[in-house]
Amino acid sequence: MILYTPLSEVDIFGTDPEAFNNRQFMNVHGRLVHAERTAEGTYRILQLMSTDPQDYLDASFTPGSVISN
């Protein structure tokens, strides 16, 4: 992916490298999601990675939803 923007890399990706250490891709109910580990030990969904439009209609995969692993 190529991103053409007048913004700097810091404006797009941020400066906190610790935030990237808490993120991972994982399977949740057979769907691939990009999730971030919270301080409570649960995971918060950042992005659903699916080619099936029906998956995006499922409220449990909404970005910001909390899942326990």
PDB file of N, CA and C in Angstrom:
ATOM      1  N   MET A   1       0.843  -1.170   0.000  1.00  0.00           N
ATOM      2  CA  MET A   1       0.000   0.000   0.000  1.00  0.00           C
ATOM      3  C   MET A   1       0.887   1.231   0.000  1.00  0.00           C
ATOM      4  N   ILE A   2       0.557   2.192  -0.814  1.00  0.00           N
ATOM      5  CA  ILE A   2       1.278   3.451  -0.865  1.00  0.00           C
ATOM      6  C   ILE A   2       0.333   4.542  -0.385  1.00  0.00           C
ATOM      7  N   LEU A   3       0.818   5.340   0.544  1.00  0.00           N
ATOM      8  CA  LEU A   3       0.013   6.418   1.112  1.00  0.00           C
ATOM      9  C   LEU A   3       0.634   7.748   0.705  1.00  0.00           C
ATOM     10  N   TYR A   4      -0.057   8.488  -0.145  1.00  0.00           N
ATOM     11  CA  TYR A   4       0.402   9.804  -0.561  1.00  0.00           C
ATOM     12  C   TYR A   4      -0.288  10.836   0.319  1.00  0.00           C
ATOM     13  N   THR A   5       0.485  11.546   1.121  1.00  0.00           N
ATOM     14  CA  THR A   5      -0.088  12.516   2.039  1.00  0.00           C
ATOM     15  C   THR A   5       0.939  13.592   2.376  1.00  0.00           C
ATOM     16  N   PRO A   6       0.480  14.806   2.651  1.00  0.00           N
ATOM     17  CA  PRO A   6       1.419  15.845   3.085  1.00  0.00           C
ATOM     18  C   PRO A   6       1.783  15.738   4.567  1.00  0.00           C
ATOM     19  N   LEU A   7       1.137  14.814   5.284  1.00  0.00           N
ATOM     20  CA  LEU A   7       1.409  14.647   6.710  1.00  0.00           C
ATOM     21  C   LEU A   7       2.715  13.905   6.935  1.00  0.00           C
ATOM     22  N   SER A   8       3.336  14.156   8.067  1.00  0.00           N
ATOM     23  CA  SER A   8       4.581  13.463   8.394  1.00  0.00           C
ATOM     24  C   SER A   8       4.280  12.062   8.927  1.00  0.00           C
ATOM     25  N   GLU A   9       5.305  11.248   8.977  1.00  0.00           N
ATOM     26  CA  GLU A   9       5.159   9.880   9.485  1.00  0.00           C
ATOM     27  C   GLU A   9       4.703   9.876  10.943  1.00  0.00           C
ATOM     28  N   VAL A  10       5.171  10.831  11.721  1.00  0.00           N
ATOM     29  CA  VAL A  10       4.790  10.919  13.128  1.00  0.00           C
ATOM     30  C   VAL A  10       3.304  11.230  13.271  1.00  0.00           C
ATOM     31  N   ASP A  11       2.766  12.080  12.390  1.00  0.00           N
ATOM     32  CA  ASP A  11       1.337  12.414  12.442  1.00  0.00           C
ATOM     33  C   ASP A  11       0.458  11.212  12.104  1.00  0.00           C
ATOM     34  N   ILE A  12       0.935  10.332  11.242  1.00  0.00           N
ATOM     35  CA  ILE A  12       0.145   9.184  10.817  1.00  0.00           C
ATOM     36  C   ILE A  12       0.269   8.017  11.791  1.00  0.00           C
ATOM     37  N   PHE A  13       1.503   7.667  12.144  1.00  0.00           N
ATOM     38  CA  PHE A  13       1.744   6.462  12.942  1.00  0.00           C
ATOM     39  C   PHE A  13       1.933   6.741  14.426  1.00  0.00           C
ATOM     40  N   GLY A  14       2.130   7.982  14.816  1.00  0.00           N
ATOM     41  CA  GLY A  14       2.345   8.306  16.211  1.00  0.00           C
ATOM     42  C   GLY A  14       3.788   8.068  16.612  1.00  0.00           C
ATOM     43  N   THR A  15       4.104   8.407  17.849  1.00  0.00           N
ATOM     44  CA  THR A  15       5.482   8.278  18.315  1.00  0.00           C
ATOM     45  C   THR A  15       5.635   7.254  19.426  1.00  0.00           C
ATOM     46  N   ASP A  16       4.568   6.622  19.836  1.00  0.00           N
ATOM     47  CA  ASP A  16       4.609   5.687  20.954  1.00  0.00           C
ATOM     48  C   ASP A  16       4.913   4.272  20.456  1.00  0.00           C
ATOM     49  N   PRO A  17       6.173   3.824  20.517  1.00  0.00           N
ATOM     50  CA  PRO A  17       6.484   2.471  20.033  1.00  0.00           C
ATOM     51  C   PRO A  17       5.882   1.382  20.907  1.00  0.00           C
ATOM     52  N   GLU A  18       5.568   1.693  22.152  1.00  0.00           N
ATOM     53  CA  GLU A  18       4.968   0.702  23.062  1.00  0.00           C
ATOM     54  C   GLU A  18       3.568   0.301  22.591  1.00  0.00           C
ATOM     55  N   ALA A  19       2.866   1.216  21.932  1.00  0.00           N
ATOM     56  CA  ALA A  19       1.518   0.906  21.441  1.00  0.00           C
ATOM     57  C   ALA A  19       1.558  -0.194  20.389  1.00  0.00           C
ATOM     58  N   PHE A  20       2.610  -0.241  19.586  1.00  0.00           N
ATOM     59  CA  PHE A  20       2.714  -1.264  18.556  1.00  0.00           C
ATOM     60  C   PHE A  20       3.071  -2.625  19.146  1.00  0.00           C
ATOM     61  N   ASN A  21       3.697  -2.654  20.317  1.00  0.00           N
ATOM     62  CA  ASN A  21       4.042  -3.925  20.955  1.00  0.00           C
ATOM     63  C   ASN A  21       2.823  -4.638  21.509  1.00  0.00           C
ATOM     64  N   ASN A  22       1.760  -3.908  21.763  1.00  0.00           N
ATOM     65  CA  ASN A  22       0.540  -4.490  22.327  1.00  0.00           C
ATOM     66  C   ASN A  22      -0.448  -4.933  21.261  1.00  0.00           C
ATOM     67  N   ARG A  23      -0.119  -4.765  19.997  1.00  0.00           N
ATOM     68  CA  ARG A  23      -1.037  -5.114  18.910  1.00  0.00           C
ATOM     69  C   ARG A  23      -0.641  -6.423  18.254  1.00  0.00           C
ATOM     70  N   GLN A  24      -1.655  -7.189  17.854  1.00  0.00           N
ATOM     71  CA  GLN A  24      -1.382  -8.449  17.164  1.00  0.00           C
ATOM     72  C   GLN A  24      -2.587  -8.866  16.341  1.00  0.00           C
ATOM     73  N   PHE A  25      -2.331  -9.764  15.393  1.00  0.00           N
ATOM     74  CA  PHE A  25      -3.402 -10.358  14.606  1.00  0.00           C
ATOM     75  C   PHE A  25      -3.788 -11.662  15.281  1.00  0.00           C
ATOM     76  N   MET A  26      -5.096 -11.911  15.379  1.00  0.00           N
ATOM     77  CA  MET A  26      -5.565 -13.128  16.036  1.00  0.00           C
ATOM     78  C   MET A  26      -6.875 -13.598  15.417  1.00  0.00           C
ATOM     79  N   ASN A  27      -7.167 -14.878  15.602  1.00  0.00           N
ATOM     80  CA  ASN A  27      -8.430 -15.451  15.138  1.00  0.00           C
ATOM     81  C   ASN A  27      -9.454 -15.384  16.259  1.00  0.00           C
ATOM     82  N   VAL A  28     -10.613 -14.842  15.938  1.00  0.00           N
ATOM     83  CA  VAL A  28     -11.727 -14.768  16.878  1.00  0.00           C
ATOM     84  C   VAL A  28     -12.942 -15.354  16.177  1.00  0.00           C
ATOM     85  N   HIS A  29     -13.413 -16.477  16.658  1.00  0.00           N
ATOM     86  CA  HIS A  29     -14.557 -17.169  16.072  1.00  0.00           C
ATOM     87  C   HIS A  29     -14.351 -17.419  14.571  1.00  0.00           C
ATOM     88  N   GLY A  30     -13.117 -17.764  14.210  1.00  0.00           N
ATOM     89  CA  GLY A  30     -12.812 -18.079  12.820  1.00  0.00           C
ATOM     90  C   GLY A  30     -12.585 -16.879  11.927  1.00  0.00           C
ATOM     91  N   ARG A  31     -12.547 -15.673  12.499  1.00  0.00           N
ATOM     92  CA  ARG A  31     -12.320 -14.453  11.720  1.00  0.00           C
ATOM     93  C   ARG A  31     -10.989 -13.842  12.160  1.00  0.00           C
ATOM     94  N   LEU A  32     -10.247 -13.290  11.223  1.00  0.00           N
ATOM     95  CA  LEU A  32      -8.975 -12.646  11.529  1.00  0.00           C
ATOM     96  C   LEU A  32      -9.222 -11.195  11.915  1.00  0.00           C
ATOM     97  N   VAL A  33      -8.733 -10.810  13.087  1.00  0.00           N
ATOM     98  CA  VAL A  33      -8.870  -9.433  13.556  1.00  0.00           C
ATOM     99  C   VAL A  33      -7.510  -8.894  13.981  1.00  0.00           C
ATOM    100  N   HIS A  34      -7.362  -7.593  13.885  1.00  0.00           N
ATOM    101  CA  HIS A  34      -6.191  -6.894  14.405  1.00  0.00           C
ATOM    102  C   HIS A  34      -6.652  -6.323  15.734  1.00  0.00           C
ATOM    103  N   ALA A  35      -5.982  -6.735  16.824  1.00  0.00           N
ATOM    104  CA  ALA A  35      -6.441  -6.368  18.159  1.00  0.00           C
ATOM    105  C   ALA A  35      -5.306  -5.782  18.981  1.00  0.00           C
ATOM    106  N   GLU A  36      -5.689  -5.025  20.002  1.00  0.00           N
ATOM    107  CA  GLU A  36      -4.737  -4.388  20.903  1.00  0.00           C
ATOM    108  C   GLU A  36      -4.998  -4.878  22.323  1.00  0.00           C
ATOM    109  N   ARG A  37      -3.948  -5.298  23.009  1.00  0.00           N
ATOM    110  CA  ARG A  37      -4.077  -5.780  24.384  1.00  0.00           C
ATOM    111  C   ARG A  37      -4.261  -4.589  25.316  1.00  0.00           C
ATOM    112  N   THR A  38      -5.254  -4.675  26.197  1.00  0.00           N
ATOM    113  CA  THR A  38      -5.525  -3.603  27.154  1.00  0.00           C
ATOM    114  C   THR A  38      -4.821  -3.902  28.473  1.00  0.00           C
ATOM    115  N   ALA A  39      -4.860  -2.952  29.372  1.00  0.00           N
ATOM    116  CA  ALA A  39      -4.214  -3.113  30.679  1.00  0.00           C
ATOM    117  C   ALA A  39      -4.889  -4.197  31.519  1.00  0.00           C
ATOM    118  N   GLU A  40      -6.163  -4.465  31.258  1.00  0.00           N
ATOM    119  CA  GLU A  40      -6.899  -5.469  32.023  1.00  0.00           C
ATOM    120  C   GLU A  40      -6.621  -6.889  31.547  1.00  0.00           C
ATOM    121  N   GLY A  41      -5.853  -7.041  30.469  1.00  0.00           N
ATOM    122  CA  GLY A  41      -5.553  -8.368  29.944  1.00  0.00           C
ATOM    123  C   GLY A  41      -6.523  -8.837  28.877  1.00  0.00           C
ATOM    124  N   THR A  42      -7.471  -8.001  28.500  1.00  0.00           N
ATOM    125  CA  THR A  42      -8.390  -8.333  27.418  1.00  0.00           C
ATOM    126  C   THR A  42      -7.859  -7.720  26.126  1.00  0.00           C
ATOM    127  N   TYR A  43      -8.569  -7.943  25.043  1.00  0.00           N
ATOM    128  CA  TYR A  43      -8.176  -7.392  23.751  1.00  0.00           C
ATOM    129  C   TYR A  43      -9.292  -6.520  23.209  1.00  0.00           C
ATOM    130  N   ARG A  44      -8.905  -5.419  22.573  1.00  0.00           N
ATOM    131  CA  ARG A  44      -9.862  -4.504  21.941  1.00  0.00           C
ATOM    132  C   ARG A  44      -9.649  -4.597  20.441  1.00  0.00           C
ATOM    133  N   ILE A  45     -10.719  -4.840  19.700  1.00  0.00           N
ATOM    134  CA  ILE A  45     -10.631  -4.993  18.245  1.00  0.00           C
ATOM    135  C   ILE A  45     -10.359  -3.641  17.602  1.00  0.00           C
ATOM    136  N   LEU A  46      -9.325  -3.620  16.754  1.00  0.00           N
ATOM    137  CA  LEU A  46      -8.993  -2.429  15.986  1.00  0.00           C
ATOM    138  C   LEU A  46      -9.522  -2.520  14.566  1.00  0.00           C
ATOM    139  N   GLN A  47      -9.460  -3.733  13.993  1.00  0.00           N
ATOM    140  CA  GLN A  47      -9.839  -3.900  12.589  1.00  0.00           C
ATOM    141  C   GLN A  47     -10.207  -5.352  12.326  1.00  0.00           C
ATOM    142  N   LEU A  48     -11.232  -5.550  11.537  1.00  0.00           N
ATOM    143  CA  LEU A  48     -11.625  -6.876  11.062  1.00  0.00           C
ATOM    144  C   LEU A  48     -11.034  -7.076   9.687  1.00  0.00           C
ATOM    145  N   MET A  49     -10.376  -8.212   9.486  1.00  0.00           N
ATOM    146  CA  MET A  49      -9.745  -8.520   8.199  1.00  0.00           C
ATOM    147  C   MET A  49     -10.542  -9.651   7.558  1.00  0.00           C
ATOM    148  N   SER A  50     -11.493  -9.314   6.687  1.00  0.00           N
ATOM    149  CA  SER A  50     -12.349 -10.323   6.092  1.00  0.00           C
ATOM    150  C   SER A  50     -12.780  -9.894   4.694  1.00  0.00           C
ATOM    151  N   THR A  51     -13.012 -10.877   3.848  1.00  0.00           N
ATOM    152  CA  THR A  51     -13.539 -10.592   2.514  1.00  0.00           C
ATOM    153  C   THR A  51     -15.037 -10.875   2.433  1.00  0.00           C
ATOM    154  N   ASP A  52     -15.622 -11.362   3.518  1.00  0.00           N
ATOM    155  CA  ASP A  52     -17.041 -11.679   3.557  1.00  0.00           C
ATOM    156  C   ASP A  52     -17.823 -10.483   4.104  1.00  0.00           C
ATOM    157  N   PRO A  53     -18.686  -9.852   3.313  1.00  0.00           N
ATOM    158  CA  PRO A  53     -19.439  -8.694   3.783  1.00  0.00           C
ATOM    159  C   PRO A  53     -20.319  -8.992   5.001  1.00  0.00           C
ATOM    160  N   GLN A  54     -20.779 -10.223   5.148  1.00  0.00           N
ATOM    161  CA  GLN A  54     -21.620 -10.583   6.296  1.00  0.00           C
ATOM    162  C   GLN A  54     -20.875 -10.427   7.621  1.00  0.00           C
ATOM    163  N   ASP A  55     -19.555 -10.626   7.598  1.00  0.00           N
ATOM    164  CA  ASP A  55     -18.768 -10.498   8.830  1.00  0.00           C
ATOM    165  C   ASP A  55     -18.827  -9.080   9.379  1.00  0.00           C
ATOM    166  N   TYR A  56     -18.917  -8.096   8.502  1.00  0.00           N
ATOM    167  CA  TYR A  56     -18.942  -6.703   8.941  1.00  0.00           C
ATOM    168  C   TYR A  56     -20.291  -6.302   9.537  1.00  0.00           C
ATOM    169  N   LEU A  57     -21.312  -7.108   9.324  1.00  0.00           N
ATOM    170  CA  LEU A  57     -22.624  -6.836   9.916  1.00  0.00           C
ATOM    171  C   LEU A  57     -22.756  -7.421  11.310  1.00  0.00           C
ATOM    172  N   ASP A  58     -21.811  -8.249  11.723  1.00  0.00           N
ATOM    173  CA  ASP A  58     -21.818  -8.853  13.050  1.00  0.00           C
ATOM    174  C   ASP A  58     -21.274  -7.838  14.051  1.00  0.00           C
ATOM    175  N   ALA A  59     -22.106  -7.433  15.014  1.00  0.00           N
ATOM    176  CA  ALA A  59     -21.729  -6.394  15.981  1.00  0.00           C
ATOM    177  C   ALA A  59     -20.576  -6.804  16.880  1.00  0.00           C
ATOM    178  N   SER A  60     -20.309  -8.095  17.019  1.00  0.00           N
ATOM    179  CA  SER A  60     -19.211  -8.519  17.897  1.00  0.00           C
ATOM    180  C   SER A  60     -17.838  -8.215  17.299  1.00  0.00           C
ATOM    181  N   PHE A  61     -17.767  -7.892  16.012  1.00  0.00           N
ATOM    182  CA  PHE A  61     -16.505  -7.563  15.362  1.00  0.00           C
ATOM    183  C   PHE A  61     -16.352  -6.061  15.118  1.00  0.00           C
ATOM    184  N   THR A  62     -17.186  -5.248  15.733  1.00  0.00           N
ATOM    185  CA  THR A  62     -17.107  -3.804  15.582  1.00  0.00           C
ATOM    186  C   THR A  62     -15.819  -3.297  16.213  1.00  0.00           C
ATOM    187  N   PRO A  63     -15.079  -2.396  15.532  1.00  0.00           N
ATOM    188  CA  PRO A  63     -13.878  -1.831  16.163  1.00  0.00           C
ATOM    189  C   PRO A  63     -14.205  -1.190  17.503  1.00  0.00           C
ATOM    190  N   GLY A  64     -13.401  -1.512  18.496  1.00  0.00           N
ATOM    191  CA  GLY A  64     -13.639  -1.032  19.850  1.00  0.00           C
ATOM    192  C   GLY A  64     -14.260  -2.086  20.740  1.00  0.00           C
ATOM    193  N   SER A  65     -14.786  -3.166  20.139  1.00  0.00           N
ATOM    194  CA  SER A  65     -15.361  -4.239  20.938  1.00  0.00           C
ATOM    195  C   SER A  65     -14.260  -4.930  21.732  1.00  0.00           C
ATOM    196  N   VAL A  66     -14.594  -5.323  22.947  1.00  0.00           N
ATOM    197  CA  VAL A  66     -13.634  -5.984  23.821  1.00  0.00           C
ATOM    198  C   VAL A  66     -13.865  -7.481  23.785  1.00  0.00           C
ATOM    199  N   ILE A  67     -12.770  -8.238  23.623  1.00  0.00           N
ATOM    200  CA  ILE A  67     -12.840  -9.693  23.631  1.00  0.00           C
ATOM    201  C   ILE A  67     -11.856 -10.214  24.662  1.00  0.00           C
ATOM    202  N   SER A  68     -12.164 -11.341  25.251  1.00  0.00           N
ATOM    203  CA  SER A  68     -11.231 -11.972  26.180  1.00  0.00           C
ATOM    204  C   SER A  68     -10.629 -13.193  25.501  1.00  0.00           C
ATOM    205  N   ASN A  69      -9.359 -13.402  25.726  1.00  0.00           N
ATOM    206  CA  ASN A  69      -8.672 -14.506  25.064  1.00  0.00           C
ATOM    207  C   ASN A  69      -8.186 -15.503  26.074  1.00  0.00           C
TER     208      ASN A  69
END
